[in-house]
Amino acid sequence: MVQLYDQAEGLRRALVGDYVRTLLVAGTQYQIEKSGFIFNFVRSLVVNGYQVLVIDLSQERKPLSEIFGIYPRYDLLHLVEGKALLNEVLYPIETGALLLQASRGLDRLAHFPPLKHQEWINLLKAALKGVDFVLAYTGLRSSDAAFRAVDACQDCLLLSETTKTSITAAYSWLKSTQYIRRNYWVYLIEGSSYQESKKVFENMALAARNFIDAKLDFAGVSLGADGVDNLVSLISRWPCPKEAAVSFPAFLHRLCLPKMDARVVS
């Protein structure tokens, strides 16, 4: 664990800044693995100058870490229960990017008193001073931690293939989160062509608007490596509402909240 600690310490010293851009990515594990989306997306963020924290909130049998070729012994729950140190739950996945497996830990934290929440927030604030991009991955399974992340993140990016099965799963996930937010970005994976994929998106957007009162925006289509790079460029130009520009501690606090109707002002 010495090498891991040194790498994490190097990243911590390099991170600067008080406010973070936060993005939730929702998609099936099959989509993530088949397309290499998360791997390529994080790498592209780093290349574009972002310092990234990836928070895995999914409840998949295979953790997100395996996509990056690492096999963590500990996750956030071990830290919360005092069974691991912070440097043992933060895993370097790229130069300039760390991974935290947090689904179990956040679900546990939500049932703790505010003082325990603040202890965790202070710990990460000190260790990760200046993170400027947080990517939270939830999969498409419903969980309290995933719902809190949908609420806490500035933007929500939904991955979908153009097949009927994938679109149905994406639509079901939209329905499960519609009471939390109304605006989503959609990024289509492996469409036969840009034109065909755009047509699929337009049908998705129409159904979402008419039946669940949700607004979908087109984030693009994965067409080779350029697809992810173009998405990162697009994200950098997305408007960030003043009320959504939060500090890293405020974002972490919202992840801990046990109720969706609560808000933290920082």
Protein backbone atom coordinates (compact mmCIF):
# COMPACT_ATOMS: atom_id res chain seq x y z
CA MET A 1 0.00 0.00 0.00
CA VAL A 2 3.05 2.32 0.19
CA GLN A 3 3.14 2.88 -3.56
CA LEU A 4 -0.60 3.60 -3.60
CA TYR A 5 -0.22 6.10 -0.79
CA ASP A 6 2.60 7.92 -2.57
CA GLN A 7 0.61 8.17 -5.79
CA ALA A 8 -2.46 9.45 -3.99
CA GLU A 9 -0.39 11.97 -2.07
CA GLY A 10 1.08 13.28 -5.32
CA LEU A 11 -2.38 13.85 -6.73
CA ARG A 12 -3.56 15.57 -3.57
CA ARG A 13 -0.68 18.04 -3.71
CA ALA A 14 -1.47 18.81 -7.35
CA LEU A 15 -5.17 19.50 -6.92
CA VAL A 16 -6.20 23.16 -6.72
CA GLY A 17 -9.50 25.08 -6.68
CA ASP A 18 -12.62 25.32 -4.50
CA TYR A 19 -15.51 24.46 -6.82
CA VAL A 20 -16.26 21.29 -8.69
CA ARG A 21 -18.13 20.28 -11.83
CA THR A 22 -20.22 17.23 -10.99
CA LEU A 23 -21.60 14.74 -13.49
CA LEU A 24 -23.59 11.61 -12.87
CA VAL A 25 -23.21 8.85 -15.48
CA ALA A 26 -25.93 6.19 -15.58
CA GLY A 27 -25.67 3.13 -17.79
CA THR A 28 -25.53 -0.64 -17.67
CA GLN A 29 -22.31 -2.41 -16.87
CA TYR A 30 -22.51 -4.10 -20.28
CA GLN A 31 -22.57 -0.71 -22.00
CA ILE A 32 -19.67 0.55 -19.92
CA GLU A 33 -17.51 -2.50 -20.58
CA LYS A 34 -18.39 -2.97 -24.24
CA SER A 35 -17.79 0.66 -25.18
CA GLY A 36 -14.96 1.40 -22.75
CA PHE A 37 -16.84 4.62 -22.06
CA ILE A 38 -15.83 5.33 -18.46
CA PHE A 39 -12.19 4.42 -19.09
CA ASN A 40 -11.95 6.64 -22.17
CA PHE A 41 -14.00 9.42 -20.64
CA VAL A 42 -11.84 9.73 -17.53
CA ARG A 43 -8.67 9.60 -19.61
CA SER A 44 -10.00 12.34 -21.87
CA LEU A 45 -10.94 14.50 -18.87
CA VAL A 46 -7.41 14.19 -17.51
CA VAL A 47 -5.88 15.03 -20.89
CA ASN A 48 -8.11 18.11 -21.01
CA GLY A 49 -6.67 19.32 -17.72
CA TYR A 50 -9.24 18.14 -15.17
CA GLN A 51 -8.34 16.61 -11.81
CA VAL A 52 -10.92 13.86 -11.38
CA LEU A 53 -12.52 11.89 -8.59
CA VAL A 54 -14.60 8.92 -9.77
CA ILE A 55 -17.19 7.74 -7.24
CA ASP A 56 -18.62 4.30 -7.94
CA LEU A 57 -22.17 4.18 -6.56
CA SER A 58 -23.33 1.20 -8.58
CA GLN A 59 -24.44 -2.07 -7.07
CA GLU A 60 -23.14 -4.27 -9.84
CA ARG A 61 -21.53 -7.62 -9.09
CA LYS A 62 -18.34 -6.44 -10.76
CA PRO A 63 -17.12 -3.09 -9.38
CA LEU A 64 -16.14 -0.27 -11.70
CA SER A 65 -12.55 -0.60 -10.53
CA GLU A 66 -12.07 -3.80 -12.54
CA ILE A 67 -12.56 -1.85 -15.76
CA PHE A 68 -9.44 0.08 -14.78
CA GLY A 69 -7.58 -3.12 -13.98
CA ILE A 70 -7.46 -2.69 -10.20
CA TYR A 71 -8.96 -4.92 -7.52
CA PRO A 72 -9.51 -2.92 -4.32
CA ARG A 73 -9.51 -4.62 -0.97
CA TYR A 74 -11.41 -1.80 0.72
CA ASP A 75 -14.28 0.55 -0.04
CA LEU A 76 -15.92 3.52 1.73
CA LEU A 77 -17.81 1.25 4.12
CA HIS A 78 -14.51 -0.01 5.53
CA LEU A 79 -13.44 3.60 6.11
CA VAL A 80 -16.75 4.48 7.78
CA GLU A 81 -16.49 1.46 10.08
CA GLY A 82 -12.86 2.22 10.95
CA LYS A 83 -11.52 -0.88 9.20
CA ALA A 84 -9.39 0.99 6.64
CA LEU A 85 -7.51 4.27 6.29
CA LEU A 86 -8.32 6.91 3.72
CA ASN A 87 -5.30 6.14 1.55
CA GLU A 88 -6.50 2.52 1.44
CA VAL A 89 -9.85 3.41 -0.14
CA LEU A 90 -8.65 5.98 -2.70
CA TYR A 91 -7.21 4.21 -5.74
CA PRO A 92 -5.21 5.93 -8.51
CA ILE A 93 -6.70 4.95 -11.88
CA GLU A 94 -4.96 7.54 -14.06
CA THR A 95 -2.41 10.26 -13.51
CA GLY A 96 -4.74 12.92 -12.13
CA ALA A 97 -7.67 10.63 -11.28
CA LEU A 98 -8.71 8.65 -8.21
CA LEU A 99 -11.48 6.10 -7.65
CA LEU A 100 -13.65 5.67 -4.55
CA GLN A 101 -16.07 2.75 -4.27
CA ALA A 102 -18.81 4.26 -2.18
CA SER A 103 -22.26 2.70 -2.63
CA ARG A 104 -22.27 0.69 0.59
CA GLY A 105 -20.54 3.43 2.56
CA LEU A 106 -22.93 6.20 1.53
CA ASP A 107 -26.00 4.09 2.27
CA ARG A 108 -24.57 3.47 5.75
CA LEU A 109 -23.63 7.13 6.29
CA ALA A 110 -27.15 8.30 5.46
CA HIS A 111 -28.37 6.64 8.66
CA PHE A 112 -25.71 8.27 10.83
CA PRO A 113 -26.13 11.61 12.64
CA PRO A 114 -24.93 14.84 10.96
CA LEU A 115 -21.75 14.87 13.05
CA LYS A 116 -20.62 11.62 11.43
CA HIS A 117 -21.39 13.07 7.99
CA GLN A 118 -19.26 16.09 8.75
CA GLU A 119 -16.33 13.95 9.92
CA TRP A 120 -16.31 12.13 6.57
CA ILE A 121 -16.67 15.36 4.60
CA ASN A 122 -13.82 17.01 6.49
CA LEU A 123 -11.62 13.99 5.90
CA LEU A 124 -12.13 13.98 2.14
CA LYS A 125 -11.97 17.77 1.92
CA ALA A 126 -8.51 17.76 3.45
CA ALA A 127 -7.27 14.81 1.39
CA LEU A 128 -8.68 15.94 -1.97
CA LYS A 129 -8.37 19.70 -1.79
CA GLY A 130 -9.11 21.19 -5.19
CA VAL A 131 -10.81 18.33 -7.08
CA ASP A 132 -12.38 20.08 -10.06
CA PHE A 133 -14.37 17.26 -11.66
CA VAL A 134 -16.39 14.57 -9.88
CA LEU A 135 -17.84 11.74 -11.94
CA ALA A 136 -20.39 9.61 -10.10
CA TYR A 137 -21.33 6.31 -11.73
CA THR A 138 -24.58 4.63 -10.67
CA GLY A 139 -25.44 1.92 -13.16
CA LEU A 140 -29.18 1.66 -13.83
CA ARG A 141 -30.14 -0.05 -10.59
CA SER A 142 -32.13 1.96 -8.08
CA SER A 143 -30.56 2.64 -4.69
CA ASP A 144 -30.71 5.39 -2.10
CA ALA A 145 -27.11 6.37 -2.84
CA ALA A 146 -27.84 6.60 -6.57
CA PHE A 147 -30.92 8.77 -5.98
CA ARG A 148 -28.93 11.12 -3.74
CA ALA A 149 -26.29 11.40 -6.46
CA VAL A 150 -28.93 12.24 -9.08
CA ASP A 151 -30.04 15.04 -6.79
CA ALA A 152 -26.53 16.27 -5.93
CA CYS A 153 -24.90 16.33 -9.38
CA GLN A 154 -25.13 19.37 -11.66
CA ASP A 155 -25.71 17.25 -14.74
CA CYS A 156 -26.91 13.73 -15.40
CA LEU A 157 -25.68 11.79 -18.44
CA LEU A 158 -27.67 8.72 -19.46
CA LEU A 159 -25.97 6.14 -21.68
CA SER A 160 -28.06 4.07 -24.06
CA GLU A 161 -27.60 1.88 -27.07
CA THR A 162 -30.07 2.28 -29.91
CA THR A 163 -31.63 -1.15 -29.36
CA LYS A 164 -35.19 -1.48 -28.07
CA THR A 165 -34.02 -3.32 -24.93
CA SER A 166 -31.51 -0.62 -24.03
CA ILE A 167 -33.95 2.22 -24.67
CA THR A 168 -36.59 0.49 -22.51
CA ALA A 169 -34.08 0.16 -19.64
CA ALA A 170 -33.07 3.81 -20.02
CA TYR A 171 -36.70 4.93 -20.00
CA SER A 172 -37.43 2.89 -16.87
CA TRP A 173 -34.50 4.54 -15.12
CA LEU A 174 -35.77 7.98 -16.15
CA LYS A 175 -39.16 7.17 -14.63
CA SER A 176 -37.55 6.09 -11.36
CA THR A 177 -35.67 9.40 -11.02
CA GLN A 178 -38.20 11.85 -12.47
CA TYR A 179 -39.32 13.06 -9.05
CA ILE A 180 -35.72 14.16 -8.35
CA ARG A 181 -34.89 16.03 -11.57
CA ARG A 182 -36.34 16.87 -14.99
CA ASN A 183 -33.33 17.49 -17.21
CA TYR A 184 -30.98 14.82 -18.55
CA TRP A 185 -28.33 14.45 -21.23
CA VAL A 186 -28.37 11.34 -23.43
CA TYR A 187 -25.27 9.86 -25.03
CA LEU A 188 -25.89 7.05 -27.52
CA ILE A 189 -23.43 4.20 -27.87
CA GLU A 190 -22.61 2.33 -31.07
CA GLY A 191 -25.31 3.68 -33.31
CA SER A 192 -25.26 2.54 -36.94
CA SER A 193 -24.83 6.16 -38.03
CA TYR A 194 -25.07 9.64 -36.60
CA GLN A 195 -28.31 10.34 -38.47
CA GLU A 196 -29.96 7.11 -37.33
CA SER A 197 -28.84 7.66 -33.75
CA LYS A 198 -30.14 11.22 -33.74
CA LYS A 199 -33.52 9.92 -34.91
CA VAL A 200 -33.56 7.40 -32.05
CA PHE A 201 -32.78 10.19 -29.60
CA GLU A 202 -35.57 12.39 -30.95
CA ASN A 203 -38.06 9.58 -30.36
CA MET A 204 -36.71 9.10 -26.82
CA ALA A 205 -36.99 12.82 -26.11
CA LEU A 206 -40.56 12.96 -27.43
CA ALA A 207 -41.66 10.03 -25.25
CA ALA A 208 -39.92 11.46 -22.19
CA ARG A 209 -41.54 14.86 -22.66
CA ASN A 210 -45.05 13.49 -23.29
CA PHE A 211 -45.20 10.74 -20.69
CA ILE A 212 -42.90 11.62 -17.78
CA ASP A 213 -42.41 15.36 -18.24
CA ALA A 214 -38.64 15.02 -18.57
CA LYS A 215 -36.43 17.08 -20.87
CA LEU A 216 -33.68 15.20 -22.74
CA ASP A 217 -30.74 16.95 -24.38
CA PHE A 218 -28.55 15.33 -27.01
CA ALA A 219 -24.97 14.82 -25.78
CA GLY A 220 -23.74 12.99 -28.87
CA VAL A 221 -22.99 9.58 -30.33
CA SER A 222 -20.04 7.32 -29.66
CA LEU A 223 -18.35 7.02 -33.05
CA GLY A 224 -14.87 5.83 -32.22
CA ALA A 225 -12.40 7.62 -29.92
CA ASP A 226 -13.49 11.04 -31.16
CA GLY A 227 -16.93 10.50 -29.67
CA VAL A 228 -15.66 10.67 -26.08
CA ASP A 229 -13.29 13.56 -26.80
CA ASN A 230 -16.14 15.52 -28.36
CA LEU A 231 -18.29 14.83 -25.31
CA VAL A 232 -15.63 16.16 -22.94
CA SER A 233 -15.38 19.27 -25.09
CA LEU A 234 -19.16 19.62 -24.99
CA ILE A 235 -19.26 19.29 -21.20
CA SER A 236 -16.72 22.08 -20.81
CA ARG A 237 -19.15 24.36 -22.64
CA TRP A 238 -22.29 23.33 -20.73
CA PRO A 239 -23.70 26.26 -18.76
CA CYS A 240 -23.30 25.79 -15.02
CA PRO A 241 -26.15 27.53 -13.17
CA LYS A 242 -24.96 29.67 -10.28
CA GLU A 243 -27.02 27.66 -7.83
CA ALA A 244 -25.41 24.43 -9.09
CA ALA A 245 -21.81 25.64 -8.67
CA VAL A 246 -21.02 24.15 -5.28
CA SER A 247 -17.92 23.53 -3.28
CA PHE A 248 -16.61 19.99 -2.98
CA PRO A 249 -17.70 19.74 0.71
CA ALA A 250 -21.23 20.93 -0.15
CA PHE A 251 -21.49 18.28 -2.86
CA LEU A 252 -20.32 15.56 -0.46
CA HIS A 253 -22.81 16.78 2.13
CA ARG A 254 -25.68 16.39 -0.31
CA LEU A 255 -24.59 12.82 -1.01
CA CYS A 256 -25.07 12.08 2.68
CA LEU A 257 -28.53 13.57 3.05
CA PRO A 258 -31.18 10.98 3.96
CA LYS A 259 -34.00 12.98 2.30
CA MET A 260 -34.28 14.29 -1.24
CA ASP A 261 -36.11 17.47 -0.26
CA ALA A 262 -33.22 18.78 1.83
CA ARG A 263 -30.69 21.21 0.36
CA VAL A 264 -27.30 22.43 1.48
CA VAL A 265 -26.25 25.99 0.84
CA SER A 266 -22.53 26.61 0.81
